[in-house]
């Protein structure tokens, strides 16, 4: 019986000793009046220096140590990379997400970049006029009620 108590005590000590490590890597947990749960996670491929989330929740802008801002959609799919100057240390976006703001601490400059996204519109089986392989297609919707 003494052996069982000693073994149980050792197991409890090991659990307590590794408990702080387990909490730092937990995907969910609770501490006093705060609860958390990781809802999304994806690799950023390089060291992150700064990040900002669009107000509509559609995009995450991540400044990395490779002189680029990576833009991810809410599913973690890379939408594109914007090359930036060396020395950019902070980023922000406008409320509507149409501008990206950069602070360069090496050159002591502020820059504003216009940002827009290419959107694919499904036009299969839609009526059209002109060549099928035209580089640009204009869609006109007239059946709105």
C-alpha atoms as a PDB file:
ATOM      1  CA  UNK A   1       0.000   0.000   0.000  1.00  0.00           C
ATOM      2  CA  UNK A   2       2.920   2.368   0.791  1.00  0.00           C
ATOM      3  CA  UNK A   3       4.345   1.734  -2.695  1.00  0.00           C
ATOM      4  CA  UNK A   4       1.021   2.762  -4.311  1.00  0.00           C
ATOM      5  CA  UNK A   5       0.930   6.036  -2.318  1.00  0.00           C
ATOM      6  CA  UNK A   6       4.507   6.871  -3.297  1.00  0.00           C
ATOM      7  CA  UNK A   7       3.808   6.114  -6.973  1.00  0.00           C
ATOM      8  CA  UNK A   8       0.615   8.182  -6.915  1.00  0.00           C
ATOM      9  CA  UNK A   9       2.471  11.078  -5.262  1.00  0.00           C
ATOM     10  CA  UNK A  10       5.171  10.936  -7.965  1.00  0.00           C
ATOM     11  CA  UNK A  11       2.550  11.027 -10.721  1.00  0.00           C
ATOM     12  CA  UNK A  12       0.853  14.045  -9.103  1.00  0.00           C
ATOM     13  CA  UNK A  13       4.232  15.842  -8.790  1.00  0.00           C
ATOM     14  CA  UNK A  14       5.042  15.223 -12.457  1.00  0.00           C
ATOM     15  CA  UNK A  15       1.597  16.491 -13.470  1.00  0.00           C
ATOM     16  CA  UNK A  16       2.016  19.623 -11.350  1.00  0.00           C
ATOM     17  CA  UNK A  17       5.534  20.226 -12.674  1.00  0.00           C
ATOM     18  CA  UNK A  18       4.390  20.015 -16.292  1.00  0.00           C
ATOM     19  CA  UNK A  19       1.081  21.773 -15.675  1.00  0.00           C
ATOM     20  CA  UNK A  20       2.401  25.251 -16.484  1.00  0.00           C
ATOM     21  CA  UNK A  21       3.839  23.985 -19.780  1.00  0.00           C
ATOM     22  CA  UNK A  22       0.557  22.304 -20.639  1.00  0.00           C
ATOM     23  CA  UNK A  23      -1.327  25.551 -20.032  1.00  0.00           C
ATOM     24  CA  UNK A  24       0.925  27.545 -22.359  1.00  0.00           C
ATOM     25  CA  UNK A  25       0.282  25.164 -25.249  1.00  0.00           C
ATOM     26  CA  UNK A  26      -3.387  24.474 -24.541  1.00  0.00           C
ATOM     27  CA  UNK A  27      -5.849  25.061 -27.356  1.00  0.00           C
ATOM     28  CA  UNK A  28      -8.542  25.889 -24.838  1.00  0.00           C
ATOM     29  CA  UNK A  29      -8.784  26.556 -21.171  1.00  0.00           C
ATOM     30  CA  UNK A  30     -10.000  28.662 -18.302  1.00  0.00           C
ATOM     31  CA  UNK A  31      -8.307  30.820 -15.698  1.00  0.00           C
ATOM     32  CA  UNK A  32     -10.444  32.446 -13.044  1.00  0.00           C
ATOM     33  CA  UNK A  33     -13.125  34.353 -15.015  1.00  0.00           C
ATOM     34  CA  UNK A  34     -11.515  34.020 -18.464  1.00  0.00           C
ATOM     35  CA  UNK A  35     -12.059  31.182 -20.938  1.00  0.00           C
ATOM     36  CA  UNK A  36     -10.301  30.734 -24.294  1.00  0.00           C
ATOM     37  CA  UNK A  37     -10.340  28.420 -27.263  1.00  0.00           C
ATOM     38  CA  UNK A  38      -8.205  28.463 -30.413  1.00  0.00           C
ATOM     39  CA  UNK A  39     -10.641  28.756 -33.328  1.00  0.00           C
ATOM     40  CA  UNK A  40      -8.141  29.061 -36.197  1.00  0.00           C
ATOM     41  CA  UNK A  41      -4.435  28.598 -36.701  1.00  0.00           C
ATOM     42  CA  UNK A  42      -2.204  28.522 -39.771  1.00  0.00           C
ATOM     43  CA  UNK A  43       1.527  28.841 -40.488  1.00  0.00           C
ATOM     44  CA  UNK A  44       2.845  32.278 -41.478  1.00  0.00           C
ATOM     45  CA  UNK A  45       6.057  30.933 -43.112  1.00  0.00           C
ATOM     46  CA  UNK A  46       8.254  33.600 -41.453  1.00  0.00           C
ATOM     47  CA  UNK A  47       8.623  35.689 -38.312  1.00  0.00           C
ATOM     48  CA  UNK A  48       5.635  37.991 -37.695  1.00  0.00           C
ATOM     49  CA  UNK A  49       6.462  41.598 -36.782  1.00  0.00           C
ATOM     50  CA  UNK A  50       2.942  43.071 -36.731  1.00  0.00           C
ATOM     51  CA  UNK A  51      -0.596  42.206 -37.776  1.00  0.00           C
ATOM     52  CA  UNK A  52      -3.999  43.766 -38.205  1.00  0.00           C
ATOM     53  CA  UNK A  53      -7.443  42.272 -38.817  1.00  0.00           C
ATOM     54  CA  UNK A  54      -9.913  43.951 -41.180  1.00  0.00           C
ATOM     55  CA  UNK A  55     -13.017  45.304 -39.451  1.00  0.00           C
ATOM     56  CA  UNK A  56     -15.307  43.132 -41.579  1.00  0.00           C
ATOM     57  CA  UNK A  57     -13.337  40.049 -40.481  1.00  0.00           C
ATOM     58  CA  UNK A  58     -12.518  38.966 -44.045  1.00  0.00           C
ATOM     59  CA  UNK A  59      -8.739  39.495 -44.071  1.00  0.00           C
ATOM     60  CA  UNK A  60      -5.680  39.337 -41.832  1.00  0.00           C
ATOM     61  CA  UNK A  61      -2.682  41.495 -42.822  1.00  0.00           C
ATOM     62  CA  UNK A  62       0.615  40.159 -41.448  1.00  0.00           C
ATOM     63  CA  UNK A  63       3.902  42.085 -41.609  1.00  0.00           C
ATOM     64  CA  UNK A  64       6.810  39.634 -41.653  1.00  0.00           C
ATOM     65  CA  UNK A  65      10.592  39.839 -41.447  1.00  0.00           C
ATOM     66  CA  UNK A  66      10.931  39.127 -45.206  1.00  0.00           C
ATOM     67  CA  UNK A  67       9.921  42.712 -46.160  1.00  0.00           C
ATOM     68  CA  UNK A  68       6.389  41.800 -47.134  1.00  0.00           C
ATOM     69  CA  UNK A  69       2.824  42.075 -45.935  1.00  0.00           C
ATOM     70  CA  UNK A  70       0.960  38.808 -46.390  1.00  0.00           C
ATOM     71  CA  UNK A  71      -2.816  38.962 -46.695  1.00  0.00           C
ATOM     72  CA  UNK A  72      -4.808  35.913 -45.607  1.00  0.00           C
ATOM     73  CA  UNK A  73      -8.554  35.364 -45.827  1.00  0.00           C
ATOM     74  CA  UNK A  74     -10.488  34.160 -42.780  1.00  0.00           C
ATOM     75  CA  UNK A  75      -9.835  30.510 -43.736  1.00  0.00           C
ATOM     76  CA  UNK A  76      -6.063  31.079 -43.689  1.00  0.00           C
ATOM     77  CA  UNK A  77      -5.601  31.001 -47.471  1.00  0.00           C
ATOM     78  CA  UNK A  78      -2.908  33.375 -48.703  1.00  0.00           C
ATOM     79  CA  UNK A  79      -4.472  36.024 -50.950  1.00  0.00           C
ATOM     80  CA  UNK A  80      -1.217  37.762 -51.853  1.00  0.00           C
ATOM     81  CA  UNK A  81       2.078  39.294 -50.767  1.00  0.00           C
ATOM     82  CA  UNK A  82       2.835  43.017 -50.898  1.00  0.00           C
ATOM     83  CA  UNK A  83       6.587  43.768 -51.020  1.00  0.00           C
ATOM     84  CA  UNK A  84       7.605  46.607 -48.698  1.00  0.00           C
ATOM     85  CA  UNK A  85      10.738  48.600 -47.883  1.00  0.00           C
ATOM     86  CA  UNK A  86      13.231  47.453 -45.293  1.00  0.00           C
ATOM     87  CA  UNK A  87      12.583  49.142 -41.962  1.00  0.00           C
ATOM     88  CA  UNK A  88       8.793  48.910 -41.922  1.00  0.00           C
ATOM     89  CA  UNK A  89       7.956  48.020 -38.332  1.00  0.00           C
ATOM     90  CA  UNK A  90       4.212  48.618 -38.006  1.00  0.00           C
ATOM     91  CA  UNK A  91       1.092  48.348 -40.151  1.00  0.00           C
ATOM     92  CA  UNK A  92      -2.535  49.361 -39.946  1.00  0.00           C
ATOM     93  CA  UNK A  93      -5.489  49.504 -42.325  1.00  0.00           C
ATOM     94  CA  UNK A  94      -8.264  51.989 -42.958  1.00  0.00           C
ATOM     95  CA  UNK A  95     -11.733  51.203 -41.587  1.00  0.00           C
ATOM     96  CA  UNK A  96     -13.012  49.960 -44.961  1.00  0.00           C
ATOM     97  CA  UNK A  97      -9.750  48.080 -45.721  1.00  0.00           C
ATOM     98  CA  UNK A  98      -9.013  50.052 -48.899  1.00  0.00           C
ATOM     99  CA  UNK A  99      -5.710  51.462 -47.582  1.00  0.00           C
ATOM    100  CA  UNK A 100      -2.714  49.876 -45.875  1.00  0.00           C
ATOM    101  CA  UNK A 101      -0.593  52.151 -43.674  1.00  0.00           C
ATOM    102  CA  UNK A 102       3.117  51.512 -43.116  1.00  0.00           C
ATOM    103  CA  UNK A 103       5.497  53.020 -40.541  1.00  0.00           C
ATOM    104  CA  UNK A 104       9.183  52.848 -41.512  1.00  0.00           C
ATOM    105  CA  UNK A 105      11.445  53.430 -38.501  1.00  0.00           C
ATOM    106  CA  UNK A 106      14.666  53.331 -40.558  1.00  0.00           C
ATOM    107  CA  UNK A 107      13.633  56.105 -42.960  1.00  0.00           C
ATOM    108  CA  UNK A 108      11.243  57.738 -40.463  1.00  0.00           C
ATOM    109  CA  UNK A 109       8.411  57.694 -42.984  1.00  0.00           C
ATOM    110  CA  UNK A 110       4.702  56.998 -43.151  1.00  0.00           C
ATOM    111  CA  UNK A 111       3.273  55.431 -46.334  1.00  0.00           C
ATOM    112  CA  UNK A 112      -0.257  54.726 -47.471  1.00  0.00           C
ATOM    113  CA  UNK A 113      -0.911  51.996 -50.051  1.00  0.00           C
ATOM    114  CA  UNK A 114      -4.152  51.518 -51.940  1.00  0.00           C
ATOM    115  CA  UNK A 115      -5.324  47.894 -51.676  1.00  0.00           C
ATOM    116  CA  UNK A 116      -7.983  46.196 -53.795  1.00  0.00           C
ATOM    117  CA  UNK A 117      -8.868  42.571 -54.376  1.00  0.00           C
ATOM    118  CA  UNK A 118      -9.508  40.709 -57.625  1.00  0.00           C
ATOM    119  CA  UNK A 119     -12.874  38.990 -57.520  1.00  0.00           C
ATOM    120  CA  UNK A 120     -13.844  36.177 -59.877  1.00  0.00           C
ATOM    121  CA  UNK A 121     -17.439  36.263 -61.109  1.00  0.00           C
ATOM    122  CA  UNK A 122     -18.946  33.008 -62.359  1.00  0.00           C
ATOM    123  CA  UNK A 123     -20.272  33.618 -65.888  1.00  0.00           C
ATOM    124  CA  UNK A 124     -20.688  30.040 -67.101  1.00  0.00           C
ATOM    125  CA  UNK A 125     -23.902  29.672 -69.127  1.00  0.00           C
ATOM    126  CA  UNK A 126     -24.465  33.442 -69.032  1.00  0.00           C
ATOM    127  CA  UNK A 127     -25.421  35.255 -72.222  1.00  0.00           C
ATOM    128  CA  UNK A 128     -22.577  37.277 -73.737  1.00  0.00           C
ATOM    129  CA  UNK A 129     -21.627  39.211 -76.810  1.00  0.00           C
ATOM    130  CA  UNK A 130     -18.164  39.205 -78.357  1.00  0.00           C
ATOM    131  CA  UNK A 131     -15.261  36.745 -78.412  1.00  0.00           C
ATOM    132  CA  UNK A 132     -15.341  33.891 -75.881  1.00  0.00           C
ATOM    133  CA  UNK A 133     -11.659  34.368 -74.972  1.00  0.00           C
ATOM    134  CA  UNK A 134     -11.843  38.149 -74.399  1.00  0.00           C
ATOM    135  CA  UNK A 135      -9.459  39.331 -71.629  1.00  0.00           C
ATOM    136  CA  UNK A 136     -12.239  41.326 -69.944  1.00  0.00           C
ATOM    137  CA  UNK A 137     -15.906  40.476 -69.553  1.00  0.00           C
ATOM    138  CA  UNK A 138     -18.507  42.997 -68.426  1.00  0.00           C
ATOM    139  CA  UNK A 139     -21.563  41.570 -66.705  1.00  0.00           C
ATOM    140  CA  UNK A 140     -24.828  43.507 -66.695  1.00  0.00           C
ATOM    141  CA  UNK A 141     -27.584  42.334 -64.361  1.00  0.00           C
ATOM    142  CA  UNK A 142     -31.007  43.659 -65.372  1.00  0.00           C
ATOM    143  CA  UNK A 143     -33.333  41.146 -63.723  1.00  0.00           C
ATOM    144  CA  UNK A 144     -33.335  42.660 -60.228  1.00  0.00           C
ATOM    145  CA  UNK A 145     -36.766  42.950 -58.664  1.00  0.00           C
END
